[in-house]
Amino acid sequence: MLPAPVRVRILKQSEGILDGVSLSRLEPGLTYEVTMSLGTFLIGRGAAEENITPAVDIVIPVNAASSALTGGVSISGSKDRADDRRRAKRPPNRRLDS
């Protein structure tokens, strides 16, 4: 079961990407419905405040607006990894002079 989303009002512009959301796309003054971890992060750094009032003009759910919020940035899961394995060394090509 996923934790309940949190409503936060953005106080100041942030940078970076967290939980697949480009923080620079979150507009100050707007209220967003975000994951608990994202909300806690934003509140902890003073970039947002929890909005607990039931009468809110507009709430933007981050998951529904994720493509607009990420600005085209795609976040891939942990299964996508670079192939950093060492390659076996090939013996040098030797020409046999007859």
PDB file of N, CA and C in Angstrom:
ATOM      1  N   MET A   1       0.836  -1.171   0.000  1.00  0.00           N
ATOM      2  CA  MET A   1       0.000   0.000   0.000  1.00  0.00           C
ATOM      3  C   MET A   1       0.890   1.247   0.000  1.00  0.00           C
ATOM      4  N   LEU A   2       0.612   2.158  -0.889  1.00  0.00           N
ATOM      5  CA  LEU A   2       1.395   3.386  -0.988  1.00  0.00           C
ATOM      6  C   LEU A   2       0.940   4.400   0.051  1.00  0.00           C
ATOM      7  N   PRO A   3       1.887   5.189   0.582  1.00  0.00           N
ATOM      8  CA  PRO A   3       1.486   6.231   1.531  1.00  0.00           C
ATOM      9  C   PRO A   3       0.625   7.278   0.842  1.00  0.00           C
ATOM     10  N   ALA A   4      -0.229   7.919   1.628  1.00  0.00           N
ATOM     11  CA  ALA A   4      -1.118   8.944   1.085  1.00  0.00           C
ATOM     12  C   ALA A   4      -0.308  10.117   0.551  1.00  0.00           C
ATOM     13  N   PRO A   5      -0.762  10.725  -0.537  1.00  0.00           N
ATOM     14  CA  PRO A   5      -0.050  11.895  -1.054  1.00  0.00           C
ATOM     15  C   PRO A   5      -0.173  13.079  -0.094  1.00  0.00           C
ATOM     16  N   VAL A   6       0.726  14.029  -0.251  1.00  0.00           N
ATOM     17  CA  VAL A   6       0.771  15.218   0.591  1.00  0.00           C
ATOM     18  C   VAL A   6       0.538  16.430  -0.298  1.00  0.00           C
ATOM     19  N   ARG A   7      -0.219  17.403   0.202  1.00  0.00           N
ATOM     20  CA  ARG A   7      -0.414  18.649  -0.534  1.00  0.00           C
ATOM     21  C   ARG A   7       0.572  19.683  -0.011  1.00  0.00           C
ATOM     22  N   VAL A   8       1.346  20.241  -0.928  1.00  0.00           N
ATOM     23  CA  VAL A   8       2.323  21.263  -0.548  1.00  0.00           C
ATOM     24  C   VAL A   8       2.154  22.486  -1.432  1.00  0.00           C
ATOM     25  N   ARG A   9       2.374  23.638  -0.824  1.00  0.00           N
ATOM     26  CA  ARG A   9       2.395  24.898  -1.583  1.00  0.00           C
ATOM     27  C   ARG A   9       3.854  25.281  -1.723  1.00  0.00           C
ATOM     28  N   ILE A  10       4.275  25.487  -2.954  1.00  0.00           N
ATOM     29  CA  ILE A  10       5.666  25.795  -3.233  1.00  0.00           C
ATOM     30  C   ILE A  10       5.947  27.242  -2.829  1.00  0.00           C
ATOM     31  N   LEU A  11       7.012  27.428  -2.038  1.00  0.00           N
ATOM     32  CA  LEU A  11       7.394  28.749  -1.561  1.00  0.00           C
ATOM     33  C   LEU A  11       8.513  29.370  -2.392  1.00  0.00           C
ATOM     34  N   LYS A  12       9.454  28.527  -2.827  1.00  0.00           N
ATOM     35  CA  LYS A  12      10.558  29.049  -3.623  1.00  0.00           C
ATOM     36  C   LYS A  12      11.012  28.001  -4.637  1.00  0.00           C
ATOM     37  N   GLN A  13      11.652  28.485  -5.678  1.00  0.00           N
ATOM     38  CA  GLN A  13      12.120  27.639  -6.773  1.00  0.00           C
ATOM     39  C   GLN A  13      13.203  26.684  -6.282  1.00  0.00           C
ATOM     40  N   SER A  14      13.192  25.460  -6.787  1.00  0.00           N
ATOM     41  CA  SER A  14      14.202  24.455  -6.452  1.00  0.00           C
ATOM     42  C   SER A  14      14.815  23.920  -7.733  1.00  0.00           C
ATOM     43  N   GLU A  15      15.904  23.195  -7.578  1.00  0.00           N
ATOM     44  CA  GLU A  15      16.565  22.563  -8.718  1.00  0.00           C
ATOM     45  C   GLU A  15      16.791  21.098  -8.425  1.00  0.00           C
ATOM     46  N   GLY A  16      16.942  20.315  -9.467  1.00  0.00           N
ATOM     47  CA  GLY A  16      17.224  18.896  -9.336  1.00  0.00           C
ATOM     48  C   GLY A  16      16.015  18.057  -9.699  1.00  0.00           C
ATOM     49  N   ILE A  17      16.183  16.757  -9.542  1.00  0.00           N
ATOM     50  CA  ILE A  17      15.114  15.797  -9.841  1.00  0.00           C
ATOM     51  C   ILE A  17      14.979  14.863  -8.655  1.00  0.00           C
ATOM     52  N   LEU A  18      13.761  14.679  -8.184  1.00  0.00           N
ATOM     53  CA  LEU A  18      13.497  13.779  -7.071  1.00  0.00           C
ATOM     54  C   LEU A  18      12.188  13.054  -7.342  1.00  0.00           C
ATOM     55  N   ASP A  19      12.164  11.758  -7.132  1.00  0.00           N
ATOM     56  CA  ASP A  19      10.979  10.928  -7.391  1.00  0.00           C
ATOM     57  C   ASP A  19      10.480  11.099  -8.828  1.00  0.00           C
ATOM     58  N   GLY A  20      11.404  11.335  -9.755  1.00  0.00           N
ATOM     59  CA  GLY A  20      11.032  11.477 -11.159  1.00  0.00           C
ATOM     60  C   GLY A  20      10.428  12.820 -11.505  1.00  0.00           C
ATOM     61  N   VAL A  21      10.512  13.777 -10.603  1.00  0.00           N
ATOM     62  CA  VAL A  21       9.926  15.102 -10.824  1.00  0.00           C
ATOM     63  C   VAL A  21      11.039  16.137 -10.906  1.00  0.00           C
ATOM     64  N   SER A  22      11.022  16.940 -11.959  1.00  0.00           N
ATOM     65  CA  SER A  22      11.966  18.041 -12.086  1.00  0.00           C
ATOM     66  C   SER A  22      11.507  19.150 -11.145  1.00  0.00           C
ATOM     67  N   LEU A  23      12.290  19.406 -10.103  1.00  0.00           N
ATOM     68  CA  LEU A  23      11.903  20.383  -9.090  1.00  0.00           C
ATOM     69  C   LEU A  23      11.843  21.800  -9.655  1.00  0.00           C
ATOM     70  N   SER A  24      12.588  22.064 -10.706  1.00  0.00           N
ATOM     71  CA  SER A  24      12.569  23.404 -11.300  1.00  0.00           C
ATOM     72  C   SER A  24      11.244  23.708 -11.981  1.00  0.00           C
ATOM     73  N   ARG A  25      10.433  22.691 -12.228  1.00  0.00           N
ATOM     74  CA  ARG A  25       9.125  22.890 -12.861  1.00  0.00           C
ATOM     75  C   ARG A  25       8.009  23.190 -11.862  1.00  0.00           C
ATOM     76  N   LEU A  26       8.292  23.044 -10.573  1.00  0.00           N
ATOM     77  CA  LEU A  26       7.290  23.340  -9.548  1.00  0.00           C
ATOM     78  C   LEU A  26       7.261  24.848  -9.332  1.00  0.00           C
ATOM     79  N   GLU A  27       6.131  25.469  -9.612  1.00  0.00           N
ATOM     80  CA  GLU A  27       5.997  26.922  -9.587  1.00  0.00           C
ATOM     81  C   GLU A  27       5.653  27.447  -8.193  1.00  0.00           C
ATOM     82  N   PRO A  28       6.424  28.427  -7.702  1.00  0.00           N
ATOM     83  CA  PRO A  28       6.101  29.040  -6.407  1.00  0.00           C
ATOM     84  C   PRO A  28       4.685  29.622  -6.416  1.00  0.00           C
ATOM     85  N   GLY A  29       3.970  29.414  -5.305  1.00  0.00           N
ATOM     86  CA  GLY A  29       2.606  29.908  -5.174  1.00  0.00           C
ATOM     87  C   GLY A  29       1.549  28.876  -5.522  1.00  0.00           C
ATOM     88  N   LEU A  30       1.929  27.816  -6.259  1.00  0.00           N
ATOM     89  CA  LEU A  30       0.970  26.775  -6.623  1.00  0.00           C
ATOM     90  C   LEU A  30       1.005  25.642  -5.605  1.00  0.00           C
ATOM     91  N   THR A  31      -0.125  24.938  -5.487  1.00  0.00           N
ATOM     92  CA  THR A  31      -0.235  23.802  -4.582  1.00  0.00           C
ATOM     93  C   THR A  31      -0.202  22.522  -5.405  1.00  0.00           C
ATOM     94  N   TYR A  32       0.633  21.588  -4.986  1.00  0.00           N
ATOM     95  CA  TYR A  32       0.785  20.316  -5.678  1.00  0.00           C
ATOM     96  C   TYR A  32       0.484  19.174  -4.727  1.00  0.00           C
ATOM     97  N   GLU A  33      -0.005  18.082  -5.272  1.00  0.00           N
ATOM     98  CA  GLU A  33      -0.189  16.848  -4.523  1.00  0.00           C
ATOM     99  C   GLU A  33       0.986  15.949  -4.909  1.00  0.00           C
ATOM    100  N   VAL A  34       1.846  15.671  -3.944  1.00  0.00           N
ATOM    101  CA  VAL A  34       3.090  14.953  -4.217  1.00  0.00           C
ATOM    102  C   VAL A  34       3.223  13.744  -3.306  1.00  0.00           C
ATOM    103  N   THR A  35       4.231  12.925  -3.575  1.00  0.00           N
ATOM    104  CA  THR A  35       4.494  11.769  -2.712  1.00  0.00           C
ATOM    105  C   THR A  35       4.987  12.259  -1.353  1.00  0.00           C
ATOM    106  N   MET A  36       4.856  11.417  -0.363  1.00  0.00           N
ATOM    107  CA  MET A  36       5.293  11.761   0.989  1.00  0.00           C
ATOM    108  C   MET A  36       6.781  12.117   1.001  1.00  0.00           C
ATOM    109  N   SER A  37       7.609  11.339   0.292  1.00  0.00           N
ATOM    110  CA  SER A  37       9.055  11.603   0.306  1.00  0.00           C
ATOM    111  C   SER A  37       9.391  12.939  -0.357  1.00  0.00           C
ATOM    112  N   LEU A  38       8.732  13.257  -1.466  1.00  0.00           N
ATOM    113  CA  LEU A  38       8.976  14.531  -2.144  1.00  0.00           C
ATOM    114  C   LEU A  38       8.487  15.693  -1.288  1.00  0.00           C
ATOM    115  N   GLY A  39       7.310  15.550  -0.689  1.00  0.00           N
ATOM    116  CA  GLY A  39       6.768  16.593   0.174  1.00  0.00           C
ATOM    117  C   GLY A  39       7.657  16.853   1.382  1.00  0.00           C
ATOM    118  N   THR A  40       8.139  15.787   2.006  1.00  0.00           N
ATOM    119  CA  THR A  40       9.020  15.914   3.163  1.00  0.00           C
ATOM    120  C   THR A  40      10.323  16.610   2.777  1.00  0.00           C
ATOM    121  N   PHE A  41      10.861  16.252   1.617  1.00  0.00           N
ATOM    122  CA  PHE A  41      12.095  16.875   1.140  1.00  0.00           C
ATOM    123  C   PHE A  41      11.902  18.377   0.916  1.00  0.00           C
ATOM    124  N   LEU A  42      10.830  18.744   0.205  1.00  0.00           N
ATOM    125  CA  LEU A  42      10.583  20.155  -0.103  1.00  0.00           C
ATOM    126  C   LEU A  42      10.328  20.977   1.159  1.00  0.00           C
ATOM    127  N   ILE A  43       9.553  20.411   2.080  1.00  0.00           N
ATOM    128  CA  ILE A  43       9.265  21.115   3.338  1.00  0.00           C
ATOM    129  C   ILE A  43      10.536  21.234   4.170  1.00  0.00           C
ATOM    130  N   GLY A  44      11.320  20.178   4.224  1.00  0.00           N
ATOM    131  CA  GLY A  44      12.550  20.179   5.010  1.00  0.00           C
ATOM    132  C   GLY A  44      13.571  21.199   4.551  1.00  0.00           C
ATOM    133  N   ARG A  45      13.604  21.485   3.262  1.00  0.00           N
ATOM    134  CA  ARG A  45      14.577  22.482   2.795  1.00  0.00           C
ATOM    135  C   ARG A  45      13.968  23.870   2.663  1.00  0.00           C
ATOM    136  N   GLY A  46      12.730  24.033   3.113  1.00  0.00           N
ATOM    137  CA  GLY A  46      12.104  25.351   3.118  1.00  0.00           C
ATOM    138  C   GLY A  46      11.585  25.805   1.772  1.00  0.00           C
ATOM    139  N   ALA A  47      11.473  24.883   0.842  1.00  0.00           N
ATOM    140  CA  ALA A  47      10.993  25.220  -0.498  1.00  0.00           C
ATOM    141  C   ALA A  47       9.473  25.117  -0.600  1.00  0.00           C
ATOM    142  N   ALA A  48       8.833  24.518   0.411  1.00  0.00           N
ATOM    143  CA  ALA A  48       7.380  24.330   0.385  1.00  0.00           C
ATOM    144  C   ALA A  48       6.852  24.285   1.809  1.00  0.00           C
ATOM    145  N   GLU A  49       5.539  24.417   1.923  1.00  0.00           N
ATOM    146  CA  GLU A  49       4.866  24.237   3.204  1.00  0.00           C
ATOM    147  C   GLU A  49       3.681  23.316   2.974  1.00  0.00           C
ATOM    148  N   GLU A  50       3.360  22.529   3.998  1.00  0.00           N
ATOM    149  CA  GLU A  50       2.217  21.627   3.867  1.00  0.00           C
ATOM    150  C   GLU A  50       0.945  22.449   3.800  1.00  0.00           C
ATOM    151  N   ASN A  51       0.067  22.078   2.897  1.00  0.00           N
ATOM    152  CA  ASN A  51      -1.204  22.768   2.717  1.00  0.00           C
ATOM    153  C   ASN A  51      -2.302  21.826   3.192  1.00  0.00           C
ATOM    154  N   ILE A  52      -2.827  22.073   4.389  1.00  0.00           N
ATOM    155  CA  ILE A  52      -3.828  21.169   4.961  1.00  0.00           C
ATOM    156  C   ILE A  52      -5.238  21.732   4.868  1.00  0.00           C
ATOM    157  N   THR A  53      -5.383  22.918   4.274  1.00  0.00           N
ATOM    158  CA  THR A  53      -6.717  23.497   4.159  1.00  0.00           C
ATOM    159  C   THR A  53      -7.523  22.730   3.124  1.00  0.00           C
ATOM    160  N   PRO A  54      -8.776  22.368   3.447  1.00  0.00           N
ATOM    161  CA  PRO A  54      -9.578  21.597   2.499  1.00  0.00           C
ATOM    162  C   PRO A  54     -10.041  22.421   1.296  1.00  0.00           C
ATOM    163  N   ALA A  55     -10.184  23.716   1.457  1.00  0.00           N
ATOM    164  CA  ALA A  55     -10.654  24.562   0.353  1.00  0.00           C
ATOM    165  C   ALA A  55      -9.451  25.133  -0.384  1.00  0.00           C
ATOM    166  N   VAL A  56      -9.058  24.454  -1.446  1.00  0.00           N
ATOM    167  CA  VAL A  56      -7.922  24.890  -2.256  1.00  0.00           C
ATOM    168  C   VAL A  56      -8.438  25.180  -3.650  1.00  0.00           C
ATOM    169  N   ASP A  57      -8.008  26.295  -4.200  1.00  0.00           N
ATOM    170  CA  ASP A  57      -8.458  26.659  -5.546  1.00  0.00           C
ATOM    171  C   ASP A  57      -8.070  25.602  -6.570  1.00  0.00           C
ATOM    172  N   ILE A  58      -6.787  25.310  -6.656  1.00  0.00           N
ATOM    173  CA  ILE A  58      -6.307  24.330  -7.635  1.00  0.00           C
ATOM    174  C   ILE A  58      -5.234  23.474  -6.977  1.00  0.00           C
ATOM    175  N   VAL A  59      -5.364  22.162  -7.126  1.00  0.00           N
ATOM    176  CA  VAL A  59      -4.331  21.230  -6.684  1.00  0.00           C
ATOM    177  C   VAL A  59      -3.875  20.472  -7.918  1.00  0.00           C
ATOM    178  N   ILE A  60      -2.575  20.481  -8.161  1.00  0.00           N
ATOM    179  CA  ILE A  60      -2.025  19.798  -9.323  1.00  0.00           C
ATOM    180  C   ILE A  60      -1.419  18.489  -8.855  1.00  0.00           C
ATOM    181  N   PRO A  61      -2.022  17.351  -9.240  1.00  0.00           N
ATOM    182  CA  PRO A  61      -1.415  16.069  -8.873  1.00  0.00           C
ATOM    183  C   PRO A  61      -0.164  15.854  -9.709  1.00  0.00           C
ATOM    184  N   VAL A  62       0.962  15.625  -9.062  1.00  0.00           N
ATOM    185  CA  VAL A  62       2.222  15.502  -9.780  1.00  0.00           C
ATOM    186  C   VAL A  62       2.211  14.314 -10.726  1.00  0.00           C
ATOM    187  N   ASN A  63       1.645  13.184 -10.335  1.00  0.00           N
ATOM    188  CA  ASN A  63       1.674  12.022 -11.217  1.00  0.00           C
ATOM    189  C   ASN A  63       0.867  12.254 -12.493  1.00  0.00           C
ATOM    190  N   ALA A  64      -0.217  13.008 -12.440  1.00  0.00           N
ATOM    191  CA  ALA A  64      -1.018  13.276 -13.627  1.00  0.00           C
ATOM    192  C   ALA A  64      -0.344  14.284 -14.543  1.00  0.00           C
ATOM    193  N   ALA A  65       0.455  15.159 -13.973  1.00  0.00           N
ATOM    194  CA  ALA A  65       1.111  16.196 -14.764  1.00  0.00           C
ATOM    195  C   ALA A  65       2.595  15.920 -14.916  1.00  0.00           C
ATOM    196  N   SER A  66       3.011  14.673 -14.730  1.00  0.00           N
ATOM    197  CA  SER A  66       4.439  14.386 -14.682  1.00  0.00           C
ATOM    198  C   SER A  66       5.174  14.752 -15.955  1.00  0.00           C
ATOM    199  N   SER A  67       4.573  14.552 -17.124  1.00  0.00           N
ATOM    200  CA  SER A  67       5.295  14.893 -18.347  1.00  0.00           C
ATOM    201  C   SER A  67       5.505  16.395 -18.455  1.00  0.00           C
ATOM    202  N   ALA A  68       4.538  17.174 -18.004  1.00  0.00           N
ATOM    203  CA  ALA A  68       4.705  18.626 -18.035  1.00  0.00           C
ATOM    204  C   ALA A  68       5.691  19.076 -16.965  1.00  0.00           C
ATOM    205  N   LEU A  69       5.701  18.403 -15.831  1.00  0.00           N
ATOM    206  CA  LEU A  69       6.582  18.799 -14.736  1.00  0.00           C
ATOM    207  C   LEU A  69       8.027  18.393 -14.964  1.00  0.00           C
ATOM    208  N   THR A  70       8.246  17.291 -15.638  1.00  0.00           N
ATOM    209  CA  THR A  70       9.618  16.851 -15.847  1.00  0.00           C
ATOM    210  C   THR A  70      10.242  17.531 -17.044  1.00  0.00           C
ATOM    211  N   GLY A  71       9.485  18.231 -17.847  1.00  0.00           N
ATOM    212  CA  GLY A  71      10.055  18.945 -18.978  1.00  0.00           C
ATOM    213  C   GLY A  71      10.693  18.019 -19.992  1.00  0.00           C
ATOM    214  N   GLY A  72      10.120  16.849 -20.164  1.00  0.00           N
ATOM    215  CA  GLY A  72      10.659  15.908 -21.137  1.00  0.00           C
ATOM    216  C   GLY A  72      11.761  15.018 -20.587  1.00  0.00           C
ATOM    217  N   VAL A  73      12.094  15.164 -19.305  1.00  0.00           N
ATOM    218  CA  VAL A  73      13.126  14.332 -18.706  1.00  0.00           C
ATOM    219  C   VAL A  73      12.511  12.992 -18.362  1.00  0.00           C
ATOM    220  N   SER A  74      13.130  11.934 -18.794  1.00  0.00           N
ATOM    221  CA  SER A  74      12.635  10.600 -18.507  1.00  0.00           C
ATOM    222  C   SER A  74      13.541   9.951 -17.473  1.00  0.00           C
ATOM    223  N   ILE A  75      12.963   9.432 -16.408  1.00  0.00           N
ATOM    224  CA  ILE A  75      13.726   8.783 -15.354  1.00  0.00           C
ATOM    225  C   ILE A  75      13.529   7.288 -15.491  1.00  0.00           C
ATOM    226  N   SER A  76      14.616   6.553 -15.648  1.00  0.00           N
ATOM    227  CA  SER A  76      14.496   5.112 -15.805  1.00  0.00           C
ATOM    228  C   SER A  76      14.753   4.433 -14.472  1.00  0.00           C
ATOM    229  N   GLY A  77      14.217   3.226 -14.344  1.00  0.00           N
ATOM    230  CA  GLY A  77      14.352   2.475 -13.106  1.00  0.00           C
ATOM    231  C   GLY A  77      15.736   1.902 -12.934  1.00  0.00           C
ATOM    232  N   SER A  78      15.925   1.194 -11.846  1.00  0.00           N
ATOM    233  CA  SER A  78      17.240   0.648 -11.520  1.00  0.00           C
ATOM    234  C   SER A  78      17.628  -0.525 -12.411  1.00  0.00           C
ATOM    235  N   LYS A  79      16.695  -1.041 -13.193  1.00  0.00           N
ATOM    236  CA  LYS A  79      17.005  -2.158 -14.071  1.00  0.00           C
ATOM    237  C   LYS A  79      17.844  -1.727 -15.267  1.00  0.00           C
ATOM    238  N   ASP A  80      17.762  -0.456 -15.620  1.00  0.00           N
ATOM    239  CA  ASP A  80      18.547   0.047 -16.734  1.00  0.00           C
ATOM    240  C   ASP A  80      19.916   0.447 -16.223  1.00  0.00           C
ATOM    241  N   ARG A  81      20.914  -0.316 -16.616  1.00  0.00           N
ATOM    242  CA  ARG A  81      22.266  -0.044 -16.160  1.00  0.00           C
ATOM    243  C   ARG A  81      23.215  -0.059 -17.349  1.00  0.00           C
ATOM    244  N   ALA A  82      24.238   0.699 -17.213  1.00  0.00           N
ATOM    245  CA  ALA A  82      25.254   0.696 -18.261  1.00  0.00           C
ATOM    246  C   ALA A  82      26.013  -0.620 -18.206  1.00  0.00           C
ATOM    247  N   ASP A  83      26.490  -1.031 -19.343  1.00  0.00           N
ATOM    248  CA  ASP A  83      27.280  -2.250 -19.411  1.00  0.00           C
ATOM    249  C   ASP A  83      28.727  -1.876 -19.133  1.00  0.00           C
ATOM    250  N   ASP A  84      29.117  -1.925 -17.850  1.00  0.00           N
ATOM    251  CA  ASP A  84      30.444  -1.513 -17.440  1.00  0.00           C
ATOM    252  C   ASP A  84      31.384  -2.700 -17.216  1.00  0.00           C
ATOM    253  N   ARG A  85      30.987  -3.836 -17.711  1.00  0.00           N
ATOM    254  CA  ARG A  85      31.852  -5.006 -17.529  1.00  0.00           C
ATOM    255  C   ARG A  85      33.124  -4.844 -18.340  1.00  0.00           C
ATOM    256  N   ARG A  86      34.192  -5.385 -17.811  1.00  0.00           N
ATOM    257  CA  ARG A  86      35.455  -5.340 -18.553  1.00  0.00           C
ATOM    258  C   ARG A  86      35.386  -6.340 -19.698  1.00  0.00           C
ATOM    259  N   ARG A  87      35.910  -5.934 -20.777  1.00  0.00           N
ATOM    260  CA  ARG A  87      35.945  -6.804 -21.947  1.00  0.00           C
ATOM    261  C   ARG A  87      37.213  -7.660 -21.901  1.00  0.00           C
ATOM    262  N   ALA A  88      37.094  -8.879 -22.379  1.00  0.00           N
ATOM    263  CA  ALA A  88      38.270  -9.741 -22.459  1.00  0.00           C
ATOM    264  C   ALA A  88      39.215  -9.178 -23.519  1.00  0.00           C
ATOM    265  N   LYS A  89      40.494  -9.174 -23.191  1.00  0.00           N
ATOM    266  CA  LYS A  89      41.465  -8.663 -24.157  1.00  0.00           C
ATOM    267  C   LYS A  89      41.697  -9.695 -25.242  1.00  0.00           C
ATOM    268  N   ARG A  90      41.741  -9.206 -26.469  1.00  0.00           N
ATOM    269  CA  ARG A  90      42.019 -10.086 -27.592  1.00  0.00           C
ATOM    270  C   ARG A  90      43.527 -10.143 -27.797  1.00  0.00           C
ATOM    271  N   PRO A  91      43.997 -11.285 -28.195  1.00  0.00           N
ATOM    272  CA  PRO A  91      45.421 -11.340 -28.511  1.00  0.00           C
ATOM    273  C   PRO A  91      45.701 -10.483 -29.750  1.00  0.00           C
ATOM    274  N   PRO A  92      46.875  -9.890 -29.832  1.00  0.00           N
ATOM    275  CA  PRO A  92      47.171  -9.056 -30.992  1.00  0.00           C
ATOM    276  C   PRO A  92      47.167  -9.883 -32.267  1.00  0.00           C
ATOM    277  N   ASN A  93      46.782  -9.251 -33.364  1.00  0.00           N
ATOM    278  CA  ASN A  93      46.798  -9.933 -34.660  1.00  0.00           C
ATOM    279  C   ASN A  93      48.252 -10.169 -35.058  1.00  0.00           C
ATOM    280  N   ARG A  94      48.586 -11.375 -35.359  1.00  0.00           N
ATOM    281  CA  ARG A  94      49.931 -11.708 -35.778  1.00  0.00           C
ATOM    282  C   ARG A  94      49.884 -12.166 -37.220  1.00  0.00           C
ATOM    283  N   ARG A  95      50.724 -11.564 -37.967  1.00  0.00           N
ATOM    284  CA  ARG A  95      50.836 -11.976 -39.369  1.00  0.00           C
ATOM    285  C   ARG A  95      51.949 -13.005 -39.481  1.00  0.00           C
ATOM    286  N   LEU A  96      51.627 -14.008 -40.172  1.00  0.00           N
ATOM    287  CA  LEU A  96      52.642 -15.025 -40.414  1.00  0.00           C
ATOM    288  C   LEU A  96      53.265 -14.748 -41.783  1.00  0.00           C
ATOM    289  N   ASP A  97      54.519 -14.414 -41.760  1.00  0.00           N
ATOM    290  CA  ASP A  97      55.208 -14.165 -43.019  1.00  0.00           C
ATOM    291  C   ASP A  97      55.715 -15.494 -43.558  1.00  0.00           C
ATOM    292  N   SER A  98      55.316 -15.825 -44.755  1.00  0.00           N
ATOM    293  CA  SER A  98      55.770 -17.091 -45.322  1.00  0.00           C
ATOM    294  C   SER A  98      56.896 -16.881 -46.261  1.00  0.00           C
TER     295      SER A  98
END
